[in-house]
N, C-alpha and C. Protein backbone atom coordinates (compact mmCIF):
# COMPACT_ATOMS: atom_id res chain seq x y z
N MET A 1 -22.24 14.75 -1.38
CA MET A 1 -21.60 13.46 -0.94
C MET A 1 -22.54 12.31 -0.91
N LEU A 2 -22.04 11.13 -1.20
CA LEU A 2 -22.93 9.98 -1.17
C LEU A 2 -23.09 9.48 0.32
N SER A 3 -24.29 9.18 0.74
CA SER A 3 -24.51 8.71 2.01
C SER A 3 -24.57 7.07 1.88
N ASP A 4 -24.75 6.51 3.07
CA ASP A 4 -24.81 5.03 3.03
C ASP A 4 -25.97 4.49 2.19
N VAL A 5 -27.07 5.26 2.21
CA VAL A 5 -28.25 4.89 1.40
C VAL A 5 -27.84 5.00 -0.14
N ASP A 6 -27.17 6.10 -0.54
CA ASP A 6 -26.81 6.33 -1.96
C ASP A 6 -25.87 5.15 -2.35
N ILE A 7 -24.92 4.87 -1.52
CA ILE A 7 -23.86 3.85 -1.82
C ILE A 7 -24.42 2.48 -1.92
N LYS A 8 -25.28 2.13 -1.10
CA LYS A 8 -25.97 0.75 -1.13
C LYS A 8 -26.84 0.65 -2.40
N ALA A 9 -27.54 1.81 -2.80
CA ALA A 9 -28.43 1.80 -3.89
C ALA A 9 -27.52 1.57 -5.26
N GLN A 10 -26.40 2.17 -5.23
CA GLN A 10 -25.51 2.08 -6.35
C GLN A 10 -24.91 0.61 -6.44
N LEU A 11 -24.58 0.04 -5.27
CA LEU A 11 -23.85 -1.21 -5.33
C LEU A 11 -24.97 -2.31 -5.58
N THR A 12 -26.16 -2.12 -5.38
CA THR A 12 -27.19 -3.15 -5.56
C THR A 12 -27.98 -2.87 -6.79
N ALA A 13 -27.68 -1.90 -7.57
CA ALA A 13 -28.51 -1.57 -8.77
C ALA A 13 -28.14 -2.72 -9.87
N PRO A 14 -29.14 -3.22 -10.48
CA PRO A 14 -28.89 -4.25 -11.51
C PRO A 14 -28.12 -3.89 -12.68
N HIS A 15 -28.22 -2.57 -13.04
CA HIS A 15 -27.44 -2.11 -14.22
C HIS A 15 -27.48 -0.54 -14.21
N GLY A 16 -26.54 -0.05 -14.96
CA GLY A 16 -26.44 1.51 -15.07
C GLY A 16 -25.89 2.15 -13.93
N ALA A 17 -25.25 1.50 -12.91
CA ALA A 17 -24.69 2.14 -11.74
C ALA A 17 -23.45 3.00 -12.15
N ASP A 18 -23.25 4.08 -11.37
CA ASP A 18 -22.06 4.84 -11.54
C ASP A 18 -20.97 4.47 -10.57
N LEU A 19 -21.27 3.54 -9.71
CA LEU A 19 -20.24 3.09 -8.71
C LEU A 19 -20.35 1.55 -8.58
N ARG A 20 -19.22 1.00 -8.69
CA ARG A 20 -19.06 -0.49 -8.49
C ARG A 20 -17.90 -0.80 -7.54
N ILE A 21 -18.12 -1.66 -6.53
CA ILE A 21 -17.09 -2.12 -5.69
C ILE A 21 -17.10 -3.57 -5.60
N ASP A 22 -16.06 -4.20 -6.13
CA ASP A 22 -15.92 -5.69 -6.10
C ASP A 22 -15.68 -6.13 -4.66
N LYS A 23 -16.25 -7.27 -4.27
CA LYS A 23 -16.05 -7.80 -2.95
C LYS A 23 -16.61 -6.91 -1.84
N TRP A 24 -17.57 -6.17 -2.14
CA TRP A 24 -18.13 -5.27 -1.07
C TRP A 24 -19.01 -6.03 -0.07
N GLU A 25 -18.97 -5.57 1.16
CA GLU A 25 -19.84 -6.14 2.25
C GLU A 25 -20.60 -4.96 2.86
N GLU A 26 -21.78 -5.20 3.21
CA GLU A 26 -22.62 -4.13 3.77
C GLU A 26 -22.10 -3.63 5.08
N ASP A 27 -21.37 -4.40 5.93
CA ASP A 27 -20.93 -4.00 7.21
C ASP A 27 -19.82 -2.88 6.98
N PHE A 28 -19.27 -2.75 5.80
CA PHE A 28 -18.19 -1.72 5.64
C PHE A 28 -18.77 -0.41 4.97
N ILE A 29 -20.06 -0.30 4.73
CA ILE A 29 -20.64 0.84 4.27
C ILE A 29 -20.87 1.76 5.49
N THR A 30 -20.38 3.03 5.43
CA THR A 30 -20.46 3.98 6.54
C THR A 30 -21.49 5.05 6.12
N PRO A 31 -21.81 5.92 7.11
CA PRO A 31 -22.82 7.06 6.73
C PRO A 31 -22.23 8.02 5.66
N VAL A 32 -20.88 7.98 5.61
CA VAL A 32 -20.23 8.98 4.69
C VAL A 32 -19.25 8.22 3.65
N GLY A 33 -19.31 6.94 3.53
CA GLY A 33 -18.34 6.31 2.58
C GLY A 33 -18.33 4.87 2.72
N TYR A 34 -17.22 4.26 2.35
CA TYR A 34 -17.02 2.84 2.40
C TYR A 34 -15.57 2.56 2.95
N ASP A 35 -15.54 1.69 3.94
CA ASP A 35 -14.23 1.35 4.61
C ASP A 35 -13.48 0.42 3.74
N ILE A 36 -12.24 0.81 3.26
CA ILE A 36 -11.43 -0.05 2.37
C ILE A 36 -10.51 -0.89 3.26
N ARG A 37 -10.36 -2.14 2.87
CA ARG A 37 -9.66 -3.15 3.65
C ARG A 37 -8.31 -3.44 3.03
N ALA A 38 -7.34 -3.98 3.89
CA ALA A 38 -6.07 -4.43 3.34
C ALA A 38 -6.28 -5.58 2.43
N GLY A 39 -5.53 -5.58 1.26
CA GLY A 39 -5.59 -6.56 0.28
C GLY A 39 -4.35 -7.48 0.27
N ASP A 40 -3.98 -8.00 -0.75
CA ASP A 40 -2.98 -9.01 -0.86
C ASP A 40 -1.56 -8.48 -0.72
N THR A 41 -1.17 -7.41 -1.42
CA THR A 41 0.19 -7.02 -1.58
C THR A 41 0.60 -5.85 -0.73
N VAL A 42 1.76 -6.02 -0.06
CA VAL A 42 2.29 -4.92 0.80
C VAL A 42 3.80 -4.58 0.40
N PHE A 43 4.14 -3.37 0.40
CA PHE A 43 5.48 -2.99 0.08
C PHE A 43 5.90 -2.13 1.20
N SER A 44 7.08 -2.50 1.83
CA SER A 44 7.73 -1.69 2.95
C SER A 44 8.73 -0.87 2.30
N TYR A 45 8.66 0.54 2.48
CA TYR A 45 9.63 1.40 1.90
C TYR A 45 10.90 1.32 2.69
N GLU A 46 10.92 1.01 3.88
CA GLU A 46 12.08 0.94 4.77
C GLU A 46 12.97 -0.31 4.38
N ASN A 47 12.22 -1.47 4.30
CA ASN A 47 12.84 -2.72 3.97
C ASN A 47 13.06 -3.01 2.57
N LYS A 48 12.33 -2.27 1.67
CA LYS A 48 12.41 -2.48 0.25
C LYS A 48 11.98 -3.89 -0.09
N GLN A 49 10.94 -4.33 0.53
CA GLN A 49 10.41 -5.71 0.32
C GLN A 49 8.97 -5.75 -0.01
N VAL A 50 8.63 -6.65 -0.88
CA VAL A 50 7.14 -6.87 -1.20
C VAL A 50 6.65 -8.19 -0.47
N ARG A 51 5.49 -8.07 0.11
CA ARG A 51 5.06 -9.23 0.87
C ARG A 51 3.57 -9.46 0.52
N SER A 52 3.14 -10.71 0.82
CA SER A 52 1.72 -10.99 0.63
C SER A 52 0.96 -11.25 2.02
N LEU A 53 -0.24 -10.65 2.08
CA LEU A 53 -0.95 -10.85 3.27
C LEU A 53 -2.06 -12.00 3.14
N LYS A 54 -2.26 -12.45 1.89
CA LYS A 54 -3.32 -13.33 1.51
C LYS A 54 -3.07 -14.68 2.32
N GLY A 55 -4.27 -15.28 2.76
CA GLY A 55 -4.09 -16.56 3.39
C GLY A 55 -3.79 -16.43 4.86
N GLY A 56 -4.25 -15.26 5.48
CA GLY A 56 -4.03 -15.00 6.87
C GLY A 56 -2.77 -14.45 7.29
N GLY A 57 -2.02 -13.87 6.36
CA GLY A 57 -0.79 -13.30 6.61
C GLY A 57 -0.92 -11.97 7.33
N THR A 58 0.17 -11.60 7.99
CA THR A 58 0.22 -10.27 8.69
C THR A 58 1.36 -9.47 8.38
N CYS A 59 1.48 -8.24 8.67
CA CYS A 59 2.52 -7.34 8.46
C CYS A 59 2.84 -6.44 9.55
N ASP A 60 4.10 -6.45 10.00
CA ASP A 60 4.46 -5.55 11.09
C ASP A 60 5.13 -4.30 10.53
N VAL A 61 4.45 -3.20 10.91
CA VAL A 61 4.91 -1.92 10.41
C VAL A 61 5.79 -1.30 11.55
N ALA A 62 7.18 -1.32 11.23
CA ALA A 62 8.06 -0.76 12.15
C ALA A 62 7.85 0.74 12.35
N PRO A 63 8.26 1.41 13.63
CA PRO A 63 8.29 2.83 13.72
C PRO A 63 9.20 3.41 12.57
N GLY A 64 8.55 4.40 12.11
CA GLY A 64 9.28 5.23 11.01
C GLY A 64 9.10 4.62 9.63
N ASP A 65 8.59 3.43 9.45
CA ASP A 65 8.40 2.83 8.14
C ASP A 65 7.14 3.30 7.44
N THR A 66 7.15 3.38 6.12
CA THR A 66 6.02 3.73 5.31
C THR A 66 5.62 2.42 4.50
N ILE A 67 4.37 2.08 4.51
CA ILE A 67 3.97 0.79 3.76
C ILE A 67 2.96 1.20 2.73
N PHE A 68 2.87 0.49 1.63
CA PHE A 68 1.91 0.61 0.55
C PHE A 68 1.18 -0.63 0.51
N ILE A 69 -0.07 -0.66 0.66
CA ILE A 69 -0.97 -1.91 0.65
C ILE A 69 -2.05 -1.75 -0.45
N SER A 70 -2.09 -2.83 -1.25
CA SER A 70 -3.22 -2.80 -2.24
C SER A 70 -4.54 -3.10 -1.60
N SER A 71 -5.66 -2.54 -2.03
CA SER A 71 -6.88 -2.68 -1.37
C SER A 71 -7.46 -4.11 -1.70
N LEU A 72 -8.27 -4.65 -0.83
CA LEU A 72 -8.96 -5.88 -1.09
C LEU A 72 -10.00 -5.65 -2.18
N GLU A 73 -10.69 -4.40 -2.11
CA GLU A 73 -11.64 -4.07 -3.04
C GLU A 73 -11.15 -3.57 -4.34
N THR A 74 -11.85 -3.83 -5.44
CA THR A 74 -11.60 -3.16 -6.67
C THR A 74 -12.79 -2.12 -6.89
N VAL A 75 -12.47 -0.79 -7.19
CA VAL A 75 -13.35 0.23 -7.31
C VAL A 75 -13.53 0.58 -8.69
N ILE A 76 -14.75 0.87 -9.12
CA ILE A 76 -15.02 1.31 -10.55
C ILE A 76 -15.93 2.47 -10.44
N LEU A 77 -15.46 3.61 -10.89
CA LEU A 77 -16.28 4.88 -10.84
C LEU A 77 -16.60 5.35 -12.27
N SER A 78 -17.75 5.90 -12.52
CA SER A 78 -18.07 6.42 -13.78
C SER A 78 -17.49 7.88 -13.84
N GLU A 79 -17.79 8.59 -14.93
CA GLU A 79 -17.32 9.97 -14.97
C GLU A 79 -18.15 10.96 -14.21
N LYS A 80 -19.12 10.36 -13.52
CA LYS A 80 -20.06 11.25 -12.74
C LYS A 80 -19.77 11.23 -11.21
N ILE A 81 -18.80 10.33 -10.76
CA ILE A 81 -18.47 10.28 -9.37
C ILE A 81 -16.96 10.30 -9.13
N GLY A 82 -16.58 11.12 -8.03
CA GLY A 82 -15.14 11.13 -7.75
C GLY A 82 -15.12 10.79 -6.24
N GLY A 83 -13.91 10.76 -5.71
CA GLY A 83 -13.82 10.38 -4.25
C GLY A 83 -12.39 10.85 -3.76
N PHE A 84 -12.32 10.71 -2.35
CA PHE A 84 -11.04 10.84 -1.72
C PHE A 84 -11.04 9.93 -0.47
N THR A 85 -9.87 9.59 0.00
CA THR A 85 -9.67 8.77 1.18
C THR A 85 -9.36 9.51 2.36
N VAL A 86 -9.89 9.01 3.52
CA VAL A 86 -9.63 9.64 4.84
C VAL A 86 -9.22 8.60 5.78
N SER A 87 -8.61 8.97 6.89
CA SER A 87 -8.15 8.04 7.92
C SER A 87 -9.33 7.51 8.73
N ARG A 88 -9.12 6.26 9.20
CA ARG A 88 -10.05 5.74 10.26
C ARG A 88 -9.36 5.88 11.61
N LEU A 89 -10.20 6.00 12.68
CA LEU A 89 -9.70 6.43 14.04
C LEU A 89 -8.77 5.25 14.58
N GLY A 90 -9.21 3.94 14.36
CA GLY A 90 -8.40 2.85 14.93
C GLY A 90 -6.94 2.89 14.56
N PRO A 91 -6.62 2.89 13.22
CA PRO A 91 -5.15 2.93 12.87
C PRO A 91 -4.49 4.16 13.42
N GLN A 92 -5.16 5.31 13.39
CA GLN A 92 -4.65 6.52 13.93
C GLN A 92 -4.23 6.44 15.41
N LEU A 93 -5.05 5.72 16.15
CA LEU A 93 -4.81 5.58 17.58
C LEU A 93 -3.49 4.70 17.79
N ASN A 94 -3.20 3.88 16.81
CA ASN A 94 -2.00 2.97 16.85
C ASN A 94 -0.84 3.68 16.35
N GLY A 95 -0.95 4.91 15.89
CA GLY A 95 0.25 5.66 15.49
C GLY A 95 0.30 5.66 13.92
N LEU A 96 -0.61 5.08 13.23
CA LEU A 96 -0.51 4.99 11.75
C LEU A 96 -1.14 6.28 11.08
N GLN A 97 -0.40 6.97 10.34
CA GLN A 97 -0.85 8.11 9.57
C GLN A 97 -1.18 7.84 8.18
N LEU A 98 -2.26 8.17 7.55
CA LEU A 98 -2.66 7.86 6.26
C LEU A 98 -2.26 8.99 5.38
N ALA A 99 -1.82 8.64 4.18
CA ALA A 99 -1.51 9.64 3.16
C ALA A 99 -2.84 9.65 2.27
N ALA A 100 -3.65 10.74 2.51
CA ALA A 100 -4.99 10.76 1.85
C ALA A 100 -4.72 11.13 0.31
N LEU A 101 -5.51 10.50 -0.49
CA LEU A 101 -5.45 10.60 -1.98
C LEU A 101 -6.76 10.77 -2.49
N SER A 102 -6.74 11.48 -3.77
CA SER A 102 -8.02 11.65 -4.50
C SER A 102 -8.19 10.42 -5.31
N VAL A 103 -9.50 10.19 -5.62
CA VAL A 103 -9.76 9.03 -6.56
C VAL A 103 -10.60 9.64 -7.72
N ASP A 104 -10.00 9.69 -8.88
CA ASP A 104 -10.60 10.40 -10.06
C ASP A 104 -11.84 9.60 -10.62
N PRO A 105 -12.70 10.41 -11.16
CA PRO A 105 -13.76 9.80 -12.01
C PRO A 105 -13.11 8.88 -13.03
N THR A 106 -13.78 7.82 -13.43
CA THR A 106 -13.39 6.90 -14.40
C THR A 106 -12.37 5.87 -13.83
N TRP A 107 -12.00 6.06 -12.57
CA TRP A 107 -10.97 5.03 -11.98
C TRP A 107 -11.53 3.67 -12.03
N GLN A 108 -10.80 2.74 -12.39
CA GLN A 108 -11.10 1.30 -12.39
C GLN A 108 -9.87 0.48 -11.79
N GLY A 109 -10.01 -0.02 -10.61
CA GLY A 109 -8.97 -0.86 -10.08
C GLY A 109 -8.89 -0.85 -8.54
N GLU A 110 -7.86 -1.48 -8.01
CA GLU A 110 -7.57 -1.49 -6.56
C GLU A 110 -7.19 -0.01 -6.15
N LEU A 111 -7.27 0.24 -4.91
CA LEU A 111 -6.76 1.54 -4.38
C LEU A 111 -5.48 1.19 -3.61
N LEU A 112 -4.63 2.28 -3.36
CA LEU A 112 -3.38 2.12 -2.66
C LEU A 112 -3.55 2.69 -1.30
N ILE A 113 -3.34 1.92 -0.29
CA ILE A 113 -3.38 2.41 1.13
C ILE A 113 -1.96 2.65 1.61
N ILE A 114 -1.62 3.95 1.89
CA ILE A 114 -0.30 4.37 2.23
C ILE A 114 -0.31 4.81 3.69
N LEU A 115 0.42 4.03 4.53
CA LEU A 115 0.40 4.33 6.01
C LEU A 115 1.86 4.46 6.58
N THR A 116 2.09 5.47 7.40
CA THR A 116 3.32 5.69 8.10
C THR A 116 3.19 5.42 9.54
N ASN A 117 4.06 4.65 10.13
CA ASN A 117 4.00 4.45 11.61
C ASN A 117 4.83 5.58 12.24
N LEU A 118 4.06 6.53 12.94
CA LEU A 118 4.62 7.62 13.58
C LEU A 118 4.83 7.24 15.16
N GLY A 119 4.46 6.13 15.45
CA GLY A 119 4.53 5.76 16.90
C GLY A 119 5.86 5.19 17.29
N ARG A 120 6.02 4.61 18.42
CA ARG A 120 7.33 4.09 19.01
C ARG A 120 7.33 2.50 18.90
N LYS A 121 6.16 1.92 18.61
CA LYS A 121 6.05 0.49 18.58
C LYS A 121 5.64 -0.03 17.27
N PRO A 122 6.05 -1.22 16.92
CA PRO A 122 5.49 -1.83 15.66
C PRO A 122 4.05 -2.04 15.67
N VAL A 123 3.38 -1.97 14.58
CA VAL A 123 1.93 -2.17 14.48
C VAL A 123 1.68 -3.35 13.49
N THR A 124 0.94 -4.28 13.91
CA THR A 124 0.63 -5.46 13.10
C THR A 124 -0.68 -5.20 12.38
N LEU A 125 -0.61 -5.46 11.04
CA LEU A 125 -1.84 -5.39 10.25
C LEU A 125 -2.10 -6.69 9.60
N LYS A 126 -3.36 -7.00 9.30
CA LYS A 126 -3.76 -8.23 8.75
C LYS A 126 -4.66 -8.11 7.54
N TYR A 127 -4.62 -9.13 6.70
CA TYR A 127 -5.52 -9.19 5.48
C TYR A 127 -7.01 -9.02 5.89
N GLY A 128 -7.60 -8.10 5.11
CA GLY A 128 -9.02 -7.82 5.27
C GLY A 128 -9.34 -6.78 6.40
N GLU A 129 -8.36 -6.19 6.95
CA GLU A 129 -8.52 -5.25 8.05
C GLU A 129 -8.88 -3.85 7.44
N PRO A 130 -9.95 -3.20 7.87
CA PRO A 130 -10.34 -1.88 7.36
C PRO A 130 -9.31 -0.82 7.73
N LEU A 131 -8.70 -0.09 6.81
CA LEU A 131 -7.74 0.82 7.13
C LEU A 131 -8.00 2.26 6.75
N MET A 132 -8.87 2.49 5.82
CA MET A 132 -9.24 3.90 5.48
C MET A 132 -10.63 3.94 4.91
N THR A 133 -11.17 5.07 4.89
CA THR A 133 -12.51 5.30 4.36
C THR A 133 -12.55 6.02 2.99
N LEU A 134 -13.19 5.48 2.03
CA LEU A 134 -13.38 6.08 0.70
C LEU A 134 -14.65 6.88 0.80
N CYS A 135 -14.55 8.28 0.66
CA CYS A 135 -15.70 9.10 0.56
C CYS A 135 -15.95 9.44 -0.80
N LEU A 136 -17.21 9.42 -1.28
CA LEU A 136 -17.58 9.66 -2.63
C LEU A 136 -18.53 10.90 -2.82
N PHE A 137 -18.51 11.43 -3.95
CA PHE A 137 -19.40 12.50 -4.20
C PHE A 137 -19.76 12.60 -5.71
N TRP A 138 -20.93 13.21 -5.96
CA TRP A 138 -21.38 13.43 -7.32
C TRP A 138 -20.55 14.63 -7.90
N MET A 139 -20.18 14.49 -9.14
CA MET A 139 -19.52 15.61 -9.81
C MET A 139 -20.64 16.57 -10.25
N SER A 140 -20.33 17.88 -10.16
CA SER A 140 -21.46 18.91 -10.59
C SER A 140 -21.58 18.75 -12.10
N SER A 141 -20.60 18.27 -12.83
CA SER A 141 -20.77 17.93 -14.28
C SER A 141 -19.84 16.78 -14.50
N ALA A 142 -20.16 15.94 -15.45
CA ALA A 142 -19.39 14.70 -15.81
C ALA A 142 -17.93 15.13 -16.31
N SER A 143 -16.95 14.33 -15.72
CA SER A 143 -15.66 14.63 -16.07
C SER A 143 -15.37 14.19 -17.50
N GLN A 144 -14.59 15.01 -18.19
CA GLN A 144 -14.24 14.64 -19.64
C GLN A 144 -12.92 13.98 -19.70
N ARG A 145 -12.15 14.18 -18.64
CA ARG A 145 -10.78 13.55 -18.73
C ARG A 145 -10.80 12.21 -18.03
N LYS A 146 -10.02 11.22 -18.56
CA LYS A 146 -9.99 9.83 -17.95
C LYS A 146 -8.66 9.63 -17.24
N VAL A 147 -8.63 8.69 -16.31
CA VAL A 147 -7.49 8.39 -15.57
C VAL A 147 -6.43 7.88 -16.55
N ASP A 148 -5.16 8.19 -16.27
CA ASP A 148 -4.05 7.67 -17.10
C ASP A 148 -3.72 6.29 -16.49
N ARG A 149 -4.35 5.28 -16.88
CA ARG A 149 -4.19 3.93 -16.36
C ARG A 149 -2.81 3.39 -16.53
N ALA A 150 -2.17 3.78 -17.66
CA ALA A 150 -0.80 3.28 -17.90
C ALA A 150 0.18 3.71 -16.85
N ARG A 151 -0.13 4.85 -16.19
CA ARG A 151 0.74 5.38 -15.18
C ARG A 151 0.28 5.02 -13.79
N TRP A 152 -0.88 5.02 -13.52
CA TRP A 152 -1.46 4.92 -12.12
C TRP A 152 -2.02 3.61 -11.79
N ASP A 153 -2.10 2.64 -12.76
CA ASP A 153 -2.70 1.33 -12.45
C ASP A 153 -1.89 0.69 -11.38
N ASN A 154 -2.65 0.07 -10.44
CA ASN A 154 -2.05 -0.50 -9.19
C ASN A 154 -1.02 -1.58 -9.52
N LYS A 155 -1.33 -2.38 -10.59
CA LYS A 155 -0.41 -3.42 -11.01
C LYS A 155 0.97 -2.86 -11.38
N ASN A 156 0.82 -1.75 -12.17
CA ASN A 156 2.10 -1.17 -12.60
C ASN A 156 2.89 -0.60 -11.36
N ILE A 157 2.21 0.03 -10.43
CA ILE A 157 2.87 0.51 -9.23
C ILE A 157 3.52 -0.55 -8.39
N MET A 158 2.80 -1.70 -8.29
CA MET A 158 3.35 -2.84 -7.55
C MET A 158 4.59 -3.46 -8.33
N GLU A 159 4.55 -3.33 -9.60
CA GLU A 159 5.67 -3.84 -10.41
C GLU A 159 6.94 -2.98 -10.17
N GLN A 160 6.65 -1.66 -10.07
CA GLN A 160 7.75 -0.77 -9.62
C GLN A 160 8.32 -1.07 -8.24
N PHE A 161 7.49 -1.43 -7.34
CA PHE A 161 7.98 -1.89 -5.97
C PHE A 161 8.86 -3.12 -6.08
N ARG A 162 8.36 -4.02 -6.95
CA ARG A 162 9.11 -5.26 -7.09
C ARG A 162 10.52 -5.00 -7.69
N GLU A 163 10.58 -4.00 -8.62
CA GLU A 163 11.81 -3.63 -9.20
C GLU A 163 12.78 -3.02 -8.16
N ILE A 164 12.20 -2.14 -7.29
CA ILE A 164 13.02 -1.58 -6.16
C ILE A 164 13.54 -2.68 -5.30
N GLU A 165 12.71 -3.67 -4.94
CA GLU A 165 13.12 -4.79 -4.10
C GLU A 165 14.20 -5.59 -4.80
N LYS A 166 14.17 -5.78 -6.09
CA LYS A 166 15.26 -6.54 -6.74
C LYS A 166 16.53 -5.74 -6.62
N ALA A 167 16.46 -4.39 -6.91
CA ALA A 167 17.60 -3.54 -6.84
C ALA A 167 18.25 -3.52 -5.45
N ALA A 168 17.37 -3.41 -4.42
CA ALA A 168 17.85 -3.44 -2.96
C ALA A 168 18.52 -4.70 -2.72
N SER A 169 17.95 -5.83 -3.13
CA SER A 169 18.55 -7.15 -2.93
C SER A 169 19.89 -7.33 -3.60
N PHE A 170 19.98 -6.84 -4.80
CA PHE A 170 21.31 -6.93 -5.53
C PHE A 170 22.31 -6.05 -4.83
N ASN A 171 21.91 -4.83 -4.39
CA ASN A 171 22.85 -4.01 -3.66
C ASN A 171 23.27 -4.58 -2.38
N SER A 172 22.35 -5.33 -1.66
CA SER A 172 22.77 -5.95 -0.36
C SER A 172 23.72 -7.10 -0.70
N VAL A 173 23.59 -7.80 -1.67
CA VAL A 173 24.55 -8.91 -2.02
C VAL A 173 25.88 -8.30 -2.36
N MET A 174 25.92 -7.26 -3.06
CA MET A 174 27.20 -6.62 -3.51
C MET A 174 27.90 -6.03 -2.25
N LEU A 175 27.11 -5.41 -1.42
CA LEU A 175 27.72 -4.87 -0.14
C LEU A 175 28.26 -6.01 0.73
N TRP A 176 27.55 -7.04 0.89
CA TRP A 176 27.97 -8.21 1.67
C TRP A 176 29.34 -8.83 1.07
N SER A 177 29.33 -8.82 -0.28
CA SER A 177 30.43 -9.35 -0.91
C SER A 177 31.72 -8.47 -0.71
N SER A 178 31.36 -7.19 -0.63
CA SER A 178 32.48 -6.18 -0.48
C SER A 178 33.03 -6.26 1.04
N TYR A 179 32.06 -6.50 2.00
CA TYR A 179 32.41 -6.68 3.33
C TYR A 179 33.27 -7.94 3.58
N THR A 180 32.79 -8.97 2.87
CA THR A 180 33.54 -10.35 2.94
C THR A 180 34.91 -10.20 2.41
N ALA A 181 35.07 -9.64 1.26
CA ALA A 181 36.39 -9.42 0.62
C ALA A 181 37.35 -8.63 1.53
N LEU A 182 36.75 -7.55 2.14
CA LEU A 182 37.47 -6.71 2.95
C LEU A 182 37.94 -7.38 4.16
N TYR A 183 37.08 -8.16 4.86
CA TYR A 183 37.34 -9.01 5.96
C TYR A 183 38.52 -9.96 5.75
N PHE A 184 38.44 -10.72 4.73
CA PHE A 184 39.50 -11.74 4.38
C PHE A 184 40.79 -10.97 4.09
N SER A 185 40.70 -9.80 3.42
CA SER A 185 41.85 -9.07 3.13
C SER A 185 42.62 -8.65 4.40
N LEU A 186 41.82 -8.15 5.39
CA LEU A 186 42.35 -7.74 6.61
C LEU A 186 42.95 -9.00 7.42
N VAL A 187 42.25 -10.09 7.31
CA VAL A 187 42.69 -11.29 7.98
C VAL A 187 44.06 -11.75 7.47
N ARG A 188 44.20 -11.69 6.06
CA ARG A 188 45.42 -12.18 5.46
C ARG A 188 46.53 -11.19 5.82
N LYS A 189 46.23 -9.89 5.74
CA LYS A 189 47.29 -8.84 6.16
C LYS A 189 47.67 -9.02 7.61
N GLY A 190 46.74 -9.36 8.56
CA GLY A 190 47.07 -9.61 9.96
C GLY A 190 47.87 -10.78 10.07
N VAL A 191 47.55 -11.84 9.44
CA VAL A 191 48.36 -13.07 9.54
C VAL A 191 49.80 -12.87 9.04
N PHE A 192 49.85 -12.24 7.91
CA PHE A 192 51.14 -12.03 7.28
C PHE A 192 51.98 -11.03 8.15
N GLY A 193 51.25 -10.09 8.75
CA GLY A 193 52.10 -9.17 9.72
C GLY A 193 52.59 -9.84 10.89
N LEU A 194 51.83 -10.74 11.36
CA LEU A 194 52.33 -11.67 12.51
C LEU A 194 53.45 -12.48 12.14
N LEU A 195 53.38 -13.04 10.91
CA LEU A 195 54.53 -13.89 10.45
C LEU A 195 55.78 -13.06 10.35
N LYS A 196 55.67 -11.86 9.83
CA LYS A 196 56.83 -11.02 9.65
C LYS A 196 57.39 -10.65 10.99
N LEU A 197 56.43 -10.43 11.97
CA LEU A 197 56.86 -9.89 13.36
C LEU A 197 57.75 -10.98 13.99
N TYR A 198 57.28 -12.30 13.84
CA TYR A 198 58.02 -13.32 14.50
C TYR A 198 59.10 -14.10 13.65
N SER A 199 59.21 -13.66 12.49
CA SER A 199 60.27 -14.35 11.56
C SER A 199 61.63 -13.80 11.86
């Protein structure tokens, strides 16, 4: 496993590094990894909505809701390094459970932070807040398979979330239209019933 010394050496190497992290800061290097921070885009599974945290935005995670957050950092791994994500204590104490994921060698892009609020109170998250730790390790031999970027690229995943949001919004409009039509239908029947009763 890469230590803080190994990670810093990789991130400061002038060329030939097997690990690159865009927008990295030394304060977020830990003895066993790197703390990944909340980035721009958030998707709420419960509300079926995509939101932005950029510019000082915040996100309230309701009890029972699962959110998907793009990482602030972009991570680039060679075929010689793999990784996995683990929870940080702070979010866990607030009731947020992390869905741990592997990060394959040759990965290039943002990471997805998946959190579920198991507590009884909403939890507020903000842009740039560290939410999980990326642990990294040297492969015993270089990987020969590359990541299927067409499937797992974060931009494609976020686009899928936007499609879900559109579908949910359309369904809400249709449901509201049905309720409205039903309401006026009942009103008309009620009025006509009263007219018949007193005619």
